[in-house]
Amino acid sequence: AIWFDEAIGCETASCPDEEEAADAGTG
């Protein structure tokens, strides 16, 4: 058993970080 923080929308055990859109803001 392992535990860690993961994005809510990740449907598998763990997901790579999503790439931000080129025009994404920081808000």
PDB file of all heavy atoms in Angstrom:
ATOM      1  N   ALA A   1       0.867  -1.187   0.000  1.00  0.00           N
ATOM      2  CA  ALA A   1       0.000   0.000   0.000  1.00  0.00           C
ATOM      3  C   ALA A   1       0.898   1.230   0.000  1.00  0.00           C
ATOM      4  O   ALA A   1       1.872   1.298   0.764  1.00  0.00           O
ATOM      5  CB  ALA A   1      -0.913   0.010   1.219  1.00  0.00           C
ATOM      6  N   ILE A   2       0.590   2.187  -0.856  1.00  0.00           N
ATOM      7  CA  ILE A   2       1.318   3.450  -0.873  1.00  0.00           C
ATOM      8  C   ILE A   2       0.308   4.589  -0.863  1.00  0.00           C
ATOM      9  O   ILE A   2      -0.848   4.409  -1.258  1.00  0.00           O
ATOM     10  CB  ILE A   2       2.254   3.572  -2.099  1.00  0.00           C
ATOM     11  CG1 ILE A   2       1.450   3.531  -3.410  1.00  0.00           C
ATOM     12  CG2 ILE A   2       3.308   2.468  -2.090  1.00  0.00           C
ATOM     13  CD1 ILE A   2       2.315   3.763  -4.645  1.00  0.00           C
ATOM     14  N   TRP A   3       0.727   5.741  -0.397  1.00  0.00           N
ATOM     15  CA  TRP A   3      -0.160   6.894  -0.396  1.00  0.00           C
ATOM     16  C   TRP A   3       0.588   8.128  -0.833  1.00  0.00           C
ATOM     17  O   TRP A   3       1.792   8.274  -0.622  1.00  0.00           O
ATOM     18  CB  TRP A   3      -0.848   7.096   0.950  1.00  0.00           C
ATOM     19  CG  TRP A   3       0.021   7.084   2.156  1.00  0.00           C
ATOM     20  CD1 TRP A   3       0.575   8.147   2.809  1.00  0.00           C
ATOM     21  CD2 TRP A   3       0.422   5.925   2.908  1.00  0.00           C
ATOM     22  NE1 TRP A   3       1.294   7.739   3.892  1.00  0.00           N
ATOM     23  CE2 TRP A   3       1.225   6.393   3.990  1.00  0.00           C
ATOM     24  CE3 TRP A   3       0.193   4.557   2.783  1.00  0.00           C
ATOM     25  CZ2 TRP A   3       1.778   5.513   4.916  1.00  0.00           C
ATOM     26  CZ3 TRP A   3       0.759   3.690   3.708  1.00  0.00           C
ATOM     27  CH2 TRP A   3       1.531   4.167   4.762  1.00  0.00           C
ATOM     28  N   PHE A   4      -0.131   9.008  -1.497  1.00  0.00           N
ATOM     29  CA  PHE A   4       0.465  10.198  -2.106  1.00  0.00           C
ATOM     30  C   PHE A   4      -0.656  11.138  -2.512  1.00  0.00           C
ATOM     31  O   PHE A   4      -1.839  10.763  -2.513  1.00  0.00           O
ATOM     32  CB  PHE A   4       1.311   9.818  -3.331  1.00  0.00           C
ATOM     33  CG  PHE A   4       0.625   8.910  -4.307  1.00  0.00           C
ATOM     34  CD1 PHE A   4      -0.195   9.408  -5.304  1.00  0.00           C
ATOM     35  CD2 PHE A   4       0.797   7.528  -4.229  1.00  0.00           C
ATOM     36  CE1 PHE A   4      -0.840   8.570  -6.203  1.00  0.00           C
ATOM     37  CE2 PHE A   4       0.169   6.678  -5.127  1.00  0.00           C
ATOM     38  CZ  PHE A   4      -0.651   7.206  -6.115  1.00  0.00           C
ATOM     39  N   ASP A   5      -0.307  12.373  -2.869  1.00  0.00           N
ATOM     40  CA  ASP A   5      -1.272  13.343  -3.374  1.00  0.00           C
ATOM     41  C   ASP A   5      -1.378  13.206  -4.881  1.00  0.00           C
ATOM     42  O   ASP A   5      -0.367  13.077  -5.576  1.00  0.00           O
ATOM     43  CB  ASP A   5      -0.851  14.766  -3.009  1.00  0.00           C
ATOM     44  CG  ASP A   5      -0.996  15.062  -1.529  1.00  0.00           C
ATOM     45  OD1 ASP A   5      -1.696  14.298  -0.851  1.00  0.00           O
ATOM     46  OD2 ASP A   5      -0.413  16.058  -1.053  1.00  0.00           O
ATOM     47  N   GLU A   6      -2.619  13.256  -5.371  1.00  0.00           N
ATOM     48  CA  GLU A   6      -2.859  13.097  -6.802  1.00  0.00           C
ATOM     49  C   GLU A   6      -4.006  13.992  -7.233  1.00  0.00           C
ATOM     50  O   GLU A   6      -4.888  14.312  -6.437  1.00  0.00           O
ATOM     51  CB  GLU A   6      -3.165  11.633  -7.126  1.00  0.00           C
ATOM     52  CG  GLU A   6      -3.317  11.297  -8.595  1.00  0.00           C
ATOM     53  CD  GLU A   6      -2.124  11.744  -9.417  1.00  0.00           C
ATOM     54  OE1 GLU A   6      -1.123  11.007  -9.456  1.00  0.00           O
ATOM     55  OE2 GLU A   6      -2.191  12.853  -9.995  1.00  0.00           O
ATOM     56  N   ALA A   7      -3.995  14.405  -8.493  1.00  0.00           N
ATOM     57  CA  ALA A   7      -5.065  15.244  -9.018  1.00  0.00           C
ATOM     58  C   ALA A   7      -6.404  14.535  -8.926  1.00  0.00           C
ATOM     59  O   ALA A   7      -6.503  13.323  -9.156  1.00  0.00           O
ATOM     60  CB  ALA A   7      -4.768  15.621 -10.468  1.00  0.00           C
ATOM     61  N   ILE A   8      -7.435  15.293  -8.596  1.00  0.00           N
ATOM     62  CA  ILE A   8      -8.765  14.721  -8.413  1.00  0.00           C
ATOM     63  C   ILE A   8      -9.242  14.003  -9.671  1.00  0.00           C
ATOM     64  O   ILE A   8      -9.845  12.936  -9.615  1.00  0.00           O
ATOM     65  CB  ILE A   8      -9.761  15.829  -8.010  1.00  0.00           C
ATOM     66  CG1 ILE A   8      -9.421  16.341  -6.611  1.00  0.00           C
ATOM     67  CG2 ILE A   8     -11.197  15.323  -8.059  1.00  0.00           C
ATOM     68  CD1 ILE A   8     -10.229  17.543  -6.182  1.00  0.00           C
ATOM     69  N   GLY A   9      -8.951  14.559 -10.827  1.00  0.00           N
ATOM     70  CA  GLY A   9      -9.462  13.988 -12.070  1.00  0.00           C
ATOM     71  C   GLY A   9      -8.692  12.801 -12.585  1.00  0.00           C
ATOM     72  O   GLY A   9      -9.081  12.219 -13.620  1.00  0.00           O
ATOM     73  N   CYS A  10      -7.625  12.405 -11.932  1.00  0.00           N
ATOM     74  CA  CYS A  10      -6.830  11.273 -12.392  1.00  0.00           C
ATOM     75  C   CYS A  10      -7.624   9.984 -12.235  1.00  0.00           C
ATOM     76  O   CYS A  10      -8.017   9.617 -11.124  1.00  0.00           O
ATOM     77  CB  CYS A  10      -5.523  11.197 -11.609  1.00  0.00           C
ATOM     78  SG  CYS A  10      -4.491   9.781 -12.015  1.00  0.00           S
ATOM     79  N   GLU A  11      -7.848   9.261 -13.313  1.00  0.00           N
ATOM     80  CA  GLU A  11      -8.681   8.056 -13.294  1.00  0.00           C
ATOM     81  C   GLU A  11      -7.874   6.788 -13.061  1.00  0.00           C
ATOM     82  O   GLU A  11      -8.450   5.724 -12.839  1.00  0.00           O
ATOM     83  CB  GLU A  11      -9.454   7.938 -14.617  1.00  0.00           C
ATOM     84  CG  GLU A  11     -10.438   9.069 -14.851  1.00  0.00           C
ATOM     85  CD  GLU A  11     -11.556   9.101 -13.814  1.00  0.00           C
ATOM     86  OE1 GLU A  11     -11.889   8.020 -13.277  1.00  0.00           O
ATOM     87  OE2 GLU A  11     -12.074  10.192 -13.522  1.00  0.00           O
ATOM     88  N   THR A  12      -6.549   6.867 -13.166  1.00  0.00           N
ATOM     89  CA  THR A  12      -5.709   5.704 -12.905  1.00  0.00           C
ATOM     90  C   THR A  12      -5.051   5.867 -11.544  1.00  0.00           C
ATOM     91  O   THR A  12      -5.334   6.810 -10.809  1.00  0.00           O
ATOM     92  CB  THR A  12      -4.647   5.561 -14.009  1.00  0.00           C
ATOM     93  OG1 THR A  12      -3.877   6.762 -14.072  1.00  0.00           O
ATOM     94  CG2 THR A  12      -5.317   5.308 -15.354  1.00  0.00           C
ATOM     95  N   ALA A  13      -4.165   4.937 -11.210  1.00  0.00           N
ATOM     96  CA  ALA A  13      -3.520   5.025  -9.896  1.00  0.00           C
ATOM     97  C   ALA A  13      -2.771   6.338  -9.726  1.00  0.00           C
ATOM     98  O   ALA A  13      -2.829   6.972  -8.678  1.00  0.00           O
ATOM     99  CB  ALA A  13      -2.578   3.839  -9.707  1.00  0.00           C
ATOM    100  N   SER A  14      -2.070   6.764 -10.767  1.00  0.00           N
ATOM    101  CA  SER A  14      -1.326   8.015 -10.725  1.00  0.00           C
ATOM    102  C   SER A  14      -1.173   8.540 -12.140  1.00  0.00           C
ATOM    103  O   SER A  14      -1.092   7.765 -13.092  1.00  0.00           O
ATOM    104  CB  SER A  14       0.055   7.792 -10.087  1.00  0.00           C
ATOM    105  OG  SER A  14       0.759   9.001  -9.953  1.00  0.00           O
ATOM    106  N   CYS A  15      -1.143   9.852 -12.278  1.00  0.00           N
ATOM    107  CA  CYS A  15      -1.117  10.477 -13.599  1.00  0.00           C
ATOM    108  C   CYS A  15       0.009  11.495 -13.691  1.00  0.00           C
ATOM    109  O   CYS A  15       0.338  12.157 -12.700  1.00  0.00           O
ATOM    110  CB  CYS A  15      -2.445  11.189 -13.898  1.00  0.00           C
ATOM    111  SG  CYS A  15      -3.891  10.107 -13.933  1.00  0.00           S
ATOM    112  N   PRO A  16       0.587  11.670 -14.878  1.00  0.00           N
ATOM    113  CA  PRO A  16       1.578  12.739 -15.053  1.00  0.00           C
ATOM    114  C   PRO A  16       0.904  14.098 -14.969  1.00  0.00           C
ATOM    115  O   PRO A  16      -0.302  14.234 -15.180  1.00  0.00           O
ATOM    116  CB  PRO A  16       2.141  12.474 -16.455  1.00  0.00           C
ATOM    117  CG  PRO A  16       1.056  11.728 -17.157  1.00  0.00           C
ATOM    118  CD  PRO A  16       0.364  10.903 -16.112  1.00  0.00           C
ATOM    119  N   ASP A  17       1.686  15.099 -14.633  1.00  0.00           N
ATOM    120  CA  ASP A  17       1.152  16.456 -14.577  1.00  0.00           C
ATOM    121  C   ASP A  17       0.657  16.877 -15.958  1.00  0.00           C
ATOM    122  O   ASP A  17       1.301  16.594 -16.979  1.00  0.00           O
ATOM    123  CB  ASP A  17       2.223  17.441 -14.100  1.00  0.00           C
ATOM    124  CG  ASP A  17       2.602  17.204 -12.654  1.00  0.00           C
ATOM    125  OD1 ASP A  17       1.787  16.632 -11.918  1.00  0.00           O
ATOM    126  OD2 ASP A  17       3.728  17.601 -12.272  1.00  0.00           O
ATOM    127  N   GLU A  18      -0.496  17.524 -15.972  1.00  0.00           N
ATOM    128  CA  GLU A  18      -1.030  18.013 -17.236  1.00  0.00           C
ATOM    129  C   GLU A  18      -0.263  19.247 -17.688  1.00  0.00           C
ATOM    130  O   GLU A  18       0.104  20.098 -16.885  1.00  0.00           O
ATOM    131  CB  GLU A  18      -2.516  18.352 -17.088  1.00  0.00           C
ATOM    132  CG  GLU A  18      -3.396  17.144 -16.832  1.00  0.00           C
ATOM    133  CD  GLU A  18      -4.866  17.517 -16.808  1.00  0.00           C
ATOM    134  OE1 GLU A  18      -5.173  18.706 -17.067  1.00  0.00           O
ATOM    135  OE2 GLU A  18      -5.701  16.641 -16.535  1.00  0.00           O
ATOM    136  N   GLU A  19      -0.040  19.324 -19.003  1.00  0.00           N
ATOM    137  CA  GLU A  19       0.607  20.506 -19.549  1.00  0.00           C
ATOM    138  C   GLU A  19      -0.384  21.654 -19.625  1.00  0.00           C
ATOM    139  O   GLU A  19      -1.534  21.472 -20.016  1.00  0.00           O
ATOM    140  CB  GLU A  19       1.168  20.206 -20.944  1.00  0.00           C
ATOM    141  CG  GLU A  19       2.323  19.225 -20.945  1.00  0.00           C
ATOM    142  CD  GLU A  19       2.946  19.104 -22.330  1.00  0.00           C
ATOM    143  OE1 GLU A  19       2.581  19.918 -23.205  1.00  0.00           O
ATOM    144  OE2 GLU A  19       3.783  18.202 -22.513  1.00  0.00           O
ATOM    145  N   GLU A  20       0.068  22.835 -19.210  1.00  0.00           N
ATOM    146  CA  GLU A  20      -0.799  24.001 -19.251  1.00  0.00           C
ATOM    147  C   GLU A  20      -0.873  24.557 -20.671  1.00  0.00           C
ATOM    148  O   GLU A  20       0.080  24.462 -21.446  1.00  0.00           O
ATOM    149  CB  GLU A  20      -0.271  25.086 -18.307  1.00  0.00           C
ATOM    150  CG  GLU A  20      -0.381  24.730 -16.836  1.00  0.00           C
ATOM    151  CD  GLU A  20       0.021  25.889 -15.945  1.00  0.00           C
ATOM    152  OE1 GLU A  20       0.570  26.870 -16.478  1.00  0.00           O
ATOM    153  OE2 GLU A  20      -0.213  25.810 -14.727  1.00  0.00           O
ATOM    154  N   ALA A  21      -2.025  25.129 -20.987  1.00  0.00           N
ATOM    155  CA  ALA A  21      -2.184  25.777 -22.282  1.00  0.00           C
ATOM    156  C   ALA A  21      -1.232  26.963 -22.376  1.00  0.00           C
ATOM    157  O   ALA A  21      -0.875  27.585 -21.370  1.00  0.00           O
ATOM    158  CB  ALA A  21      -3.623  26.237 -22.464  1.00  0.00           C
ATOM    159  N   ALA A  22      -0.831  27.264 -23.595  1.00  0.00           N
ATOM    160  CA  ALA A  22       0.137  28.340 -23.802  1.00  0.00           C
ATOM    161  C   ALA A  22      -0.368  29.674 -23.290  1.00  0.00           C
ATOM    162  O   ALA A  22       0.417  30.526 -22.874  1.00  0.00           O
ATOM    163  CB  ALA A  22       0.496  28.428 -25.286  1.00  0.00           C
ATOM    164  N   ASP A  23      -1.701  29.867 -23.327  1.00  0.00           N
ATOM    165  CA  ASP A  23      -2.266  31.145 -22.901  1.00  0.00           C
ATOM    166  C   ASP A  23      -2.885  31.075 -21.506  1.00  0.00           C
ATOM    167  O   ASP A  23      -3.676  31.935 -21.120  1.00  0.00           O
ATOM    168  CB  ASP A  23      -3.312  31.623 -23.910  1.00  0.00           C
ATOM    169  CG  ASP A  23      -4.470  30.634 -24.047  1.00  0.00           C
ATOM    170  OD1 ASP A  23      -4.354  29.494 -23.512  1.00  0.00           O
ATOM    171  OD2 ASP A  23      -5.471  30.989 -24.696  1.00  0.00           O
ATOM    172  N   ALA A  24      -2.511  30.048 -20.725  1.00  0.00           N
ATOM    173  CA  ALA A  24      -3.089  29.884 -19.385  1.00  0.00           C
ATOM    174  C   ALA A  24      -2.596  30.973 -18.448  1.00  0.00           C
ATOM    175  O   ALA A  24      -1.429  31.369 -18.482  1.00  0.00           O
ATOM    176  CB  ALA A  24      -2.731  28.511 -18.823  1.00  0.00           C
ATOM    177  N   GLY A  25      -3.480  31.452 -17.616  1.00  0.00           N
ATOM    178  CA  GLY A  25      -3.109  32.412 -16.584  1.00  0.00           C
ATOM    179  C   GLY A  25      -2.675  31.700 -15.322  1.00  0.00           C
ATOM    180  O   GLY A  25      -2.614  30.476 -15.257  1.00  0.00           O
ATOM    181  N   THR A  26      -2.388  32.494 -14.292  1.00  0.00           N
ATOM    182  CA  THR A  26      -1.905  31.921 -13.033  1.00  0.00           C
ATOM    183  C   THR A  26      -2.970  31.927 -11.937  1.00  0.00           C
ATOM    184  O   THR A  26      -2.697  31.510 -10.820  1.00  0.00           O
ATOM    185  CB  THR A  26      -0.682  32.704 -12.523  1.00  0.00           C
ATOM    186  OG1 THR A  26      -1.059  34.074 -12.312  1.00  0.00           O
ATOM    187  CG2 THR A  26       0.463  32.627 -13.517  1.00  0.00           C
ATOM    188  N   GLY A  27      -4.177  32.388 -12.257  1.00  0.00           N
ATOM    189  CA  GLY A  27      -5.209  32.492 -11.232  1.00  0.00           C
ATOM    190  C   GLY A  27      -5.700  31.143 -10.749  1.00  0.00           C
ATOM    191  O   GLY A  27      -5.758  30.163 -11.504  1.00  0.00           O
TER     192      GLY A  27
END
